[in-house]
Amino acid sequence: MDAVSSENNKLSIKRIALQNTFKEFNEANGFSYEEWVNPPAGHFYEGYKKELEEINNKMSPPLNYQS
């Protein structure tokens, strides 16, 4: 397995674990759309969104078009 595939596998495992944490949080606390859209500082949703964005950016970086 090449290094890119290995890294993507690790990121996929991390993403699944993060999604499971999200599910558990919402099962325990209920989902609040208001807090999802505008989470208070230090709220679970704030950290979740940040970490998910970091994982997604590593797994599929933005396209750079050549002119």
C-alpha atoms as a PDB file:
ATOM      1  CA  MET A   1       0.000   0.000   0.000  1.00  0.00           C
ATOM      2  CA  ASP A   2       1.418   3.366  -0.925  1.00  0.00           C
ATOM      3  CA  ALA A   3       1.795   6.266   1.501  1.00  0.00           C
ATOM      4  CA  VAL A   4      -1.203   8.177   0.131  1.00  0.00           C
ATOM      5  CA  SER A   5      -3.549   5.205   0.551  1.00  0.00           C
ATOM      6  CA  SER A   6      -2.228   4.578   4.043  1.00  0.00           C
ATOM      7  CA  GLU A   7      -2.778   8.208   5.045  1.00  0.00           C
ATOM      8  CA  ASN A   8      -6.288   8.219   3.547  1.00  0.00           C
ATOM      9  CA  ASN A   9      -7.123   5.014   5.444  1.00  0.00           C
ATOM     10  CA  LYS A  10      -6.013   6.641   8.703  1.00  0.00           C
ATOM     11  CA  LEU A  11      -8.059   9.751   7.917  1.00  0.00           C
ATOM     12  CA  SER A  12     -11.103   7.617   7.068  1.00  0.00           C
ATOM     13  CA  ILE A  13     -10.830   5.808  10.397  1.00  0.00           C
ATOM     14  CA  LYS A  14     -10.511   9.148  12.183  1.00  0.00           C
ATOM     15  CA  ARG A  15     -13.528  10.538  10.300  1.00  0.00           C
ATOM     16  CA  ILE A  16     -15.699   7.530  11.170  1.00  0.00           C
ATOM     17  CA  ALA A  17     -14.728   7.841  14.851  1.00  0.00           C
ATOM     18  CA  LEU A  18     -15.572  11.558  14.731  1.00  0.00           C
ATOM     19  CA  GLN A  19     -18.954  10.832  13.155  1.00  0.00           C
ATOM     20  CA  ASN A  20     -19.674   8.233  15.844  1.00  0.00           C
ATOM     21  CA  THR A  21     -18.868  10.841  18.500  1.00  0.00           C
ATOM     22  CA  PHE A  22     -21.259  13.255  16.766  1.00  0.00           C
ATOM     23  CA  LYS A  23     -24.002  10.618  16.785  1.00  0.00           C
ATOM     24  CA  GLU A  24     -23.433   9.828  20.477  1.00  0.00           C
ATOM     25  CA  PHE A  25     -23.451  13.521  21.412  1.00  0.00           C
ATOM     26  CA  ASN A  26     -26.749  14.117  19.628  1.00  0.00           C
ATOM     27  CA  GLU A  27     -28.329  10.998  21.103  1.00  0.00           C
ATOM     28  CA  ALA A  28     -27.398  12.161  24.601  1.00  0.00           C
ATOM     29  CA  ASN A  29     -28.123  15.889  24.193  1.00  0.00           C
ATOM     30  CA  GLY A  30     -30.490  16.194  21.263  1.00  0.00           C
ATOM     31  CA  PHE A  31     -29.727  18.148  18.119  1.00  0.00           C
ATOM     32  CA  SER A  32     -29.971  21.932  18.220  1.00  0.00           C
ATOM     33  CA  TYR A  33     -30.052  23.570  14.808  1.00  0.00           C
ATOM     34  CA  GLU A  34     -29.386  26.954  16.404  1.00  0.00           C
ATOM     35  CA  GLU A  35     -26.212  25.674  18.086  1.00  0.00           C
ATOM     36  CA  TRP A  36     -25.196  23.849  14.898  1.00  0.00           C
ATOM     37  CA  VAL A  37     -25.422  27.029  12.808  1.00  0.00           C
ATOM     38  CA  ASN A  38     -23.852  29.301  15.425  1.00  0.00           C
ATOM     39  CA  PRO A  39     -22.136  27.207  18.104  1.00  0.00           C
ATOM     40  CA  PRO A  40     -21.060  28.946  21.315  1.00  0.00           C
ATOM     41  CA  ALA A  41     -17.306  29.169  21.876  1.00  0.00           C
ATOM     42  CA  GLY A  42     -15.920  25.841  23.012  1.00  0.00           C
ATOM     43  CA  HIS A  43     -19.103  23.951  22.113  1.00  0.00           C
ATOM     44  CA  PHE A  44     -18.893  20.389  20.798  1.00  0.00           C
ATOM     45  CA  TYR A  45     -20.264  21.436  17.393  1.00  0.00           C
ATOM     46  CA  GLU A  46     -17.528  24.045  16.963  1.00  0.00           C
ATOM     47  CA  GLY A  47     -14.780  21.474  17.521  1.00  0.00           C
ATOM     48  CA  TYR A  48     -16.568  18.866  15.422  1.00  0.00           C
ATOM     49  CA  LYS A  49     -16.909  21.167  12.412  1.00  0.00           C
ATOM     50  CA  LYS A  50     -13.282  22.286  12.638  1.00  0.00           C
ATOM     51  CA  GLU A  51     -11.896  18.758  12.883  1.00  0.00           C
ATOM     52  CA  LEU A  52     -14.162  17.456  10.111  1.00  0.00           C
ATOM     53  CA  GLU A  53     -13.075  20.291   7.818  1.00  0.00           C
ATOM     54  CA  GLU A  54      -9.406  19.508   8.482  1.00  0.00           C
ATOM     55  CA  ILE A  55      -9.922  15.834   7.658  1.00  0.00           C
ATOM     56  CA  ASN A  56     -11.911  16.619   4.514  1.00  0.00           C
ATOM     57  CA  ASN A  57      -9.277  19.081   3.290  1.00  0.00           C
ATOM     58  CA  LYS A  58      -6.527  16.498   3.720  1.00  0.00           C
ATOM     59  CA  MET A  59      -8.530  13.770   1.994  1.00  0.00           C
ATOM     60  CA  SER A  60      -9.579  15.904  -0.952  1.00  0.00           C
ATOM     61  CA  PRO A  61      -7.584  19.112  -1.245  1.00  0.00           C
ATOM     62  CA  PRO A  62      -9.023  21.957  -3.323  1.00  0.00           C
ATOM     63  CA  LEU A  63      -8.458  21.806  -7.048  1.00  0.00           C
ATOM     64  CA  ASN A  64      -5.970  24.229  -8.539  1.00  0.00           C
ATOM     65  CA  TYR A  65      -6.729  25.091 -12.117  1.00  0.00           C
ATOM     66  CA  GLN A  66      -3.950  25.938 -14.523  1.00  0.00           C
ATOM     67  CA  SER A  67      -4.470  28.676 -17.058  1.00  0.00           C
END
